[in-house]
Amino acid sequence: MEAMPLFWQVFFLSMLPLGELRAAIPFGLAMGMEPVSCFAAAFLGNMLPVIPLLVLLSPFSIFLSCSKRFSSLWSRLQQHLQNKGEKAQRYGAFGLFLIVAVPLPLTGAWSGCFIAWLLGMSFGRALFAIAAGVLAAGIMVLAAASGILQLLHLKYGLPLLLLLLLGIVFYRLFCRRKRN
């Protein structure tokens, strides 16, 4: 049995709700994939679940609300996403774009679909905002992952990267003390 081609590995990895393309792009680049094809596979894979999610969230939420086993979990998830959705509600589709575009875990297309559903956003506006956010996040992740991989190939790349991370940690600690 042959191994799955790398394009499809990145495609399917980007469909998963936690990592999405934020995990798939660095994986593909680390495995030696061409950056453009890596981005294309990750973007398409990340966007594939969006349409079914936007269409099926309402019936699915009714089912989960009636289920004794899942109703409390579903309520907690709704509350968590409503807190994130307050920003999106204030700014509309642009707010949803901003939430999806932040390249951090739990702020991608899946969360964007839930927030759009909670806000009652129209299908077209939600799809456009989520697609633009995924595109922006993908570009940021691709740029960051490409830069880090090139930095690691340099003779002093790893010490420089560790020094940069140490500087960020010290900066964060200093800013928090100054604010208090």
C-alpha atoms as a PDB file:
ATOM      1  CA  MET A   1       0.000   0.000   0.000  1.00  0.00           C
ATOM      2  CA  GLU A   2       1.368   3.417  -0.969  1.00  0.00           C
ATOM      3  CA  ALA A   3       1.529   6.349   1.393  1.00  0.00           C
ATOM      4  CA  MET A   4      -0.896   9.202   0.840  1.00  0.00           C
ATOM      5  CA  PRO A   5       0.602  12.018  -1.283  1.00  0.00           C
ATOM      6  CA  LEU A   6       1.753  15.040   0.701  1.00  0.00           C
ATOM      7  CA  PHE A   7      -0.795  17.347  -0.977  1.00  0.00           C
ATOM      8  CA  TRP A   8      -3.653  15.258   0.395  1.00  0.00           C
ATOM      9  CA  GLN A   9      -2.038  14.951   3.832  1.00  0.00           C
ATOM     10  CA  VAL A  10      -1.934  18.757   4.085  1.00  0.00           C
ATOM     11  CA  PHE A  11      -5.459  18.997   2.648  1.00  0.00           C
ATOM     12  CA  PHE A  12      -6.963  16.631   5.233  1.00  0.00           C
ATOM     13  CA  LEU A  13      -4.898  18.017   8.125  1.00  0.00           C
ATOM     14  CA  SER A  14      -6.237  21.501   7.403  1.00  0.00           C
ATOM     15  CA  MET A  15      -9.817  20.208   7.651  1.00  0.00           C
ATOM     16  CA  LEU A  16      -9.398  19.359  11.350  1.00  0.00           C
ATOM     17  CA  PRO A  17     -11.045  21.901  13.660  1.00  0.00           C
ATOM     18  CA  LEU A  18      -8.217  22.592  16.102  1.00  0.00           C
ATOM     19  CA  GLY A  19      -5.174  23.109  13.897  1.00  0.00           C
ATOM     20  CA  GLU A  20      -6.737  23.950  10.547  1.00  0.00           C
ATOM     21  CA  LEU A  21      -4.272  25.508   8.124  1.00  0.00           C
ATOM     22  CA  ARG A  22      -2.314  26.924  11.051  1.00  0.00           C
ATOM     23  CA  ALA A  23      -0.921  23.411  11.588  1.00  0.00           C
ATOM     24  CA  ALA A  24      -1.117  22.115   8.015  1.00  0.00           C
ATOM     25  CA  ILE A  25       1.084  24.761   6.367  1.00  0.00           C
ATOM     26  CA  PRO A  26       4.080  24.344   8.715  1.00  0.00           C
ATOM     27  CA  PHE A  27       3.675  20.561   8.417  1.00  0.00           C
ATOM     28  CA  GLY A  28       3.697  20.687   4.611  1.00  0.00           C
ATOM     29  CA  LEU A  29       6.673  23.042   4.454  1.00  0.00           C
ATOM     30  CA  ALA A  30       8.621  20.954   6.971  1.00  0.00           C
ATOM     31  CA  MET A  31       7.988  17.890   4.801  1.00  0.00           C
ATOM     32  CA  GLY A  32       9.520  19.725   1.820  1.00  0.00           C
ATOM     33  CA  MET A  33       6.358  20.720  -0.002  1.00  0.00           C
ATOM     34  CA  GLU A  34       6.380  23.610  -2.480  1.00  0.00           C
ATOM     35  CA  PRO A  35       4.976  26.711  -0.665  1.00  0.00           C
ATOM     36  CA  VAL A  36       2.330  27.547  -3.306  1.00  0.00           C
ATOM     37  CA  SER A  37       0.934  24.011  -3.499  1.00  0.00           C
ATOM     38  CA  CYS A  38       1.120  23.736   0.308  1.00  0.00           C
ATOM     39  CA  PHE A  39      -0.906  26.942   0.650  1.00  0.00           C
ATOM     40  CA  ALA A  40      -3.435  25.787  -1.973  1.00  0.00           C
ATOM     41  CA  ALA A  41      -3.960  22.407  -0.292  1.00  0.00           C
ATOM     42  CA  ALA A  42      -4.309  23.980   3.152  1.00  0.00           C
ATOM     43  CA  PHE A  43      -6.686  26.724   1.987  1.00  0.00           C
ATOM     44  CA  LEU A  44      -8.947  24.344   0.057  1.00  0.00           C
ATOM     45  CA  GLY A  45      -8.957  21.814   2.887  1.00  0.00           C
ATOM     46  CA  ASN A  46      -9.739  24.496   5.461  1.00  0.00           C
ATOM     47  CA  MET A  47     -12.601  25.900   3.388  1.00  0.00           C
ATOM     48  CA  LEU A  48     -14.221  22.554   2.520  1.00  0.00           C
ATOM     49  CA  PRO A  49     -16.065  22.129   5.861  1.00  0.00           C
ATOM     50  CA  VAL A  50     -17.291  25.758   5.895  1.00  0.00           C
ATOM     51  CA  ILE A  51     -20.307  25.378   3.581  1.00  0.00           C
ATOM     52  CA  PRO A  52     -21.701  22.261   5.317  1.00  0.00           C
ATOM     53  CA  LEU A  53     -21.114  23.877   8.714  1.00  0.00           C
ATOM     54  CA  LEU A  54     -22.934  27.074   7.768  1.00  0.00           C
ATOM     55  CA  VAL A  55     -25.856  25.089   6.345  1.00  0.00           C
ATOM     56  CA  LEU A  56     -26.148  22.381   9.007  1.00  0.00           C
ATOM     57  CA  LEU A  57     -25.410  24.224  12.254  1.00  0.00           C
ATOM     58  CA  SER A  58     -29.036  25.183  12.938  1.00  0.00           C
ATOM     59  CA  PRO A  59     -30.467  21.648  12.657  1.00  0.00           C
ATOM     60  CA  PHE A  60     -27.476  20.226  14.498  1.00  0.00           C
ATOM     61  CA  SER A  61     -27.880  22.707  17.373  1.00  0.00           C
ATOM     62  CA  ILE A  62     -31.531  21.732  17.789  1.00  0.00           C
ATOM     63  CA  PHE A  63     -30.516  18.088  17.988  1.00  0.00           C
ATOM     64  CA  LEU A  64     -27.758  18.754  20.549  1.00  0.00           C
ATOM     65  CA  SER A  65     -29.957  21.010  22.669  1.00  0.00           C
ATOM     66  CA  CYS A  66     -32.507  18.216  23.028  1.00  0.00           C
ATOM     67  CA  SER A  67     -29.884  15.595  23.878  1.00  0.00           C
ATOM     68  CA  LYS A  68     -29.352  15.045  27.610  1.00  0.00           C
ATOM     69  CA  ARG A  69     -25.796  13.860  27.061  1.00  0.00           C
ATOM     70  CA  PHE A  70     -24.567  16.804  24.963  1.00  0.00           C
ATOM     71  CA  SER A  71     -26.720  19.768  26.031  1.00  0.00           C
ATOM     72  CA  SER A  72     -24.357  21.052  28.753  1.00  0.00           C
ATOM     73  CA  LEU A  73     -21.280  20.710  26.531  1.00  0.00           C
ATOM     74  CA  TRP A  74     -23.109  22.469  23.698  1.00  0.00           C
ATOM     75  CA  SER A  75     -24.178  25.290  26.044  1.00  0.00           C
ATOM     76  CA  ARG A  76     -20.588  25.849  27.210  1.00  0.00           C
ATOM     77  CA  LEU A  77     -19.324  25.921  23.629  1.00  0.00           C
ATOM     78  CA  GLN A  78     -22.028  28.425  22.695  1.00  0.00           C
ATOM     79  CA  GLN A  79     -21.103  30.657  25.651  1.00  0.00           C
ATOM     80  CA  HIS A  80     -17.399  30.556  24.768  1.00  0.00           C
ATOM     81  CA  LEU A  81     -18.102  31.489  21.166  1.00  0.00           C
ATOM     82  CA  GLN A  82     -20.610  34.187  22.118  1.00  0.00           C
ATOM     83  CA  ASN A  83     -17.836  35.922  24.055  1.00  0.00           C
ATOM     84  CA  LYS A  84     -15.664  35.922  20.922  1.00  0.00           C
ATOM     85  CA  GLY A  85     -18.690  36.859  18.846  1.00  0.00           C
ATOM     86  CA  GLU A  86     -19.197  40.162  20.675  1.00  0.00           C
ATOM     87  CA  LYS A  87     -16.342  41.656  18.641  1.00  0.00           C
ATOM     88  CA  ALA A  88     -17.796  40.273  15.454  1.00  0.00           C
ATOM     89  CA  GLN A  89     -21.234  41.629  16.321  1.00  0.00           C
ATOM     90  CA  ARG A  90     -19.807  45.103  16.877  1.00  0.00           C
ATOM     91  CA  TYR A  91     -18.005  45.130  13.518  1.00  0.00           C
ATOM     92  CA  GLY A  92     -20.212  42.757  11.481  1.00  0.00           C
ATOM     93  CA  ALA A  93     -18.584  40.783   8.682  1.00  0.00           C
ATOM     94  CA  PHE A  94     -15.317  42.674   9.184  1.00  0.00           C
ATOM     95  CA  GLY A  95     -15.233  41.550  12.823  1.00  0.00           C
ATOM     96  CA  LEU A  96     -15.804  37.962  11.745  1.00  0.00           C
ATOM     97  CA  PHE A  97     -12.962  38.352   9.233  1.00  0.00           C
ATOM     98  CA  LEU A  98     -10.662  39.629  12.003  1.00  0.00           C
ATOM     99  CA  ILE A  99     -11.500  36.732  14.313  1.00  0.00           C
ATOM    100  CA  VAL A 100     -10.864  34.148  11.591  1.00  0.00           C
ATOM    101  CA  ALA A 101      -7.710  35.902  10.327  1.00  0.00           C
ATOM    102  CA  VAL A 102      -5.896  35.748  13.672  1.00  0.00           C
ATOM    103  CA  PRO A 103      -3.529  32.810  13.207  1.00  0.00           C
ATOM    104  CA  LEU A 104      -4.068  31.273  16.631  1.00  0.00           C
ATOM    105  CA  PRO A 105      -5.755  28.003  17.587  1.00  0.00           C
ATOM    106  CA  LEU A 106      -9.552  28.152  18.035  1.00  0.00           C
ATOM    107  CA  THR A 107      -9.943  31.297  15.920  1.00  0.00           C
ATOM    108  CA  GLY A 108     -10.219  29.764  12.463  1.00  0.00           C
ATOM    109  CA  ALA A 109     -12.922  28.805  10.007  1.00  0.00           C
ATOM    110  CA  TRP A 110     -14.712  26.404  12.359  1.00  0.00           C
ATOM    111  CA  SER A 111     -15.044  29.052  15.084  1.00  0.00           C
ATOM    112  CA  GLY A 112     -15.999  31.576  12.430  1.00  0.00           C
ATOM    113  CA  CYS A 113     -18.869  29.346  11.276  1.00  0.00           C
ATOM    114  CA  PHE A 114     -20.161  29.000  14.830  1.00  0.00           C
ATOM    115  CA  ILE A 115     -19.902  32.741  15.468  1.00  0.00           C
ATOM    116  CA  ALA A 116     -21.661  33.561  12.180  1.00  0.00           C
ATOM    117  CA  TRP A 117     -24.424  31.133  13.145  1.00  0.00           C
ATOM    118  CA  LEU A 118     -24.745  32.621  16.639  1.00  0.00           C
ATOM    119  CA  LEU A 119     -25.007  36.124  15.178  1.00  0.00           C
ATOM    120  CA  GLY A 120     -27.527  35.069  12.539  1.00  0.00           C
ATOM    121  CA  MET A 121     -25.265  36.338   9.764  1.00  0.00           C
ATOM    122  CA  SER A 122     -26.383  35.632   6.208  1.00  0.00           C
ATOM    123  CA  PHE A 123     -24.754  32.721   4.394  1.00  0.00           C
ATOM    124  CA  GLY A 124     -23.075  34.886   1.749  1.00  0.00           C
ATOM    125  CA  ARG A 125     -21.621  37.454   4.157  1.00  0.00           C
ATOM    126  CA  ALA A 126     -20.383  34.718   6.494  1.00  0.00           C
ATOM    127  CA  LEU A 127     -18.816  32.691   3.684  1.00  0.00           C
ATOM    128  CA  PHE A 128     -17.044  35.732   2.252  1.00  0.00           C
ATOM    129  CA  ALA A 129     -15.741  36.901   5.654  1.00  0.00           C
ATOM    130  CA  ILE A 130     -14.553  33.408   6.615  1.00  0.00           C
ATOM    131  CA  ALA A 131     -12.857  32.830   3.230  1.00  0.00           C
ATOM    132  CA  ALA A 132     -11.079  36.194   3.445  1.00  0.00           C
ATOM    133  CA  GLY A 133     -10.015  35.442   7.029  1.00  0.00           C
ATOM    134  CA  VAL A 134      -8.686  32.002   6.122  1.00  0.00           C
ATOM    135  CA  LEU A 135      -6.809  33.545   3.189  1.00  0.00           C
ATOM    136  CA  ALA A 136      -5.237  36.208   5.434  1.00  0.00           C
ATOM    137  CA  ALA A 137      -4.343  33.682   8.152  1.00  0.00           C
ATOM    138  CA  GLY A 138      -2.850  31.360   5.543  1.00  0.00           C
ATOM    139  CA  ILE A 139      -0.649  34.107   4.147  1.00  0.00           C
ATOM    140  CA  MET A 140       0.561  35.034   7.642  1.00  0.00           C
ATOM    141  CA  VAL A 141       1.255  31.406   8.600  1.00  0.00           C
ATOM    142  CA  LEU A 142       3.008  30.734   5.279  1.00  0.00           C
ATOM    143  CA  ALA A 143       5.210  33.812   5.692  1.00  0.00           C
ATOM    144  CA  ALA A 144       6.040  32.969   9.295  1.00  0.00           C
ATOM    145  CA  ALA A 145       6.685  29.270   8.644  1.00  0.00           C
ATOM    146  CA  SER A 146       8.839  29.994   5.591  1.00  0.00           C
ATOM    147  CA  GLY A 147      10.863  32.569   7.494  1.00  0.00           C
ATOM    148  CA  ILE A 148      11.404  30.313  10.494  1.00  0.00           C
ATOM    149  CA  LEU A 149      12.462  27.388   8.305  1.00  0.00           C
ATOM    150  CA  GLN A 150      14.931  29.595   6.408  1.00  0.00           C
ATOM    151  CA  LEU A 151      16.252  30.970   9.693  1.00  0.00           C
ATOM    152  CA  LEU A 152      16.809  27.454  11.027  1.00  0.00           C
ATOM    153  CA  HIS A 153      18.910  26.595   7.968  1.00  0.00           C
ATOM    154  CA  LEU A 154      21.386  29.342   8.784  1.00  0.00           C
ATOM    155  CA  LYS A 155      24.501  28.521  10.794  1.00  0.00           C
ATOM    156  CA  TYR A 156      23.307  30.522  13.797  1.00  0.00           C
ATOM    157  CA  GLY A 157      19.599  30.127  13.111  1.00  0.00           C
ATOM    158  CA  LEU A 158      18.610  28.151  16.187  1.00  0.00           C
ATOM    159  CA  PRO A 159      20.476  30.368  18.681  1.00  0.00           C
ATOM    160  CA  LEU A 160      18.981  33.465  17.008  1.00  0.00           C
ATOM    161  CA  LEU A 161      15.497  31.964  17.185  1.00  0.00           C
ATOM    162  CA  LEU A 162      15.944  31.101  20.870  1.00  0.00           C
ATOM    163  CA  LEU A 163      17.259  34.606  21.559  1.00  0.00           C
ATOM    164  CA  LEU A 164      14.226  36.102  19.797  1.00  0.00           C
ATOM    165  CA  LEU A 165      11.823  33.956  21.826  1.00  0.00           C
ATOM    166  CA  LEU A 166      13.644  34.837  25.047  1.00  0.00           C
ATOM    167  CA  GLY A 167      13.391  38.524  24.153  1.00  0.00           C
ATOM    168  CA  ILE A 168       9.652  38.210  23.565  1.00  0.00           C
ATOM    169  CA  VAL A 169       9.180  36.501  26.935  1.00  0.00           C
ATOM    170  CA  PHE A 170      11.165  39.199  28.763  1.00  0.00           C
ATOM    171  CA  TYR A 171       9.293  41.948  26.905  1.00  0.00           C
ATOM    172  CA  ARG A 172       5.927  40.451  27.901  1.00  0.00           C
ATOM    173  CA  LEU A 173       6.999  40.172  31.534  1.00  0.00           C
ATOM    174  CA  PHE A 174       8.274  43.757  31.559  1.00  0.00           C
ATOM    175  CA  CYS A 175       5.084  45.146  29.958  1.00  0.00           C
ATOM    176  CA  ARG A 176       2.860  43.358  32.483  1.00  0.00           C
ATOM    177  CA  ARG A 177       4.828  44.754  35.427  1.00  0.00           C
ATOM    178  CA  LYS A 178       4.689  48.247  33.987  1.00  0.00           C
ATOM    179  CA  ARG A 179       0.886  48.121  33.543  1.00  0.00           C
ATOM    180  CA  ASN A 180       0.218  46.987  37.132  1.00  0.00           C
END
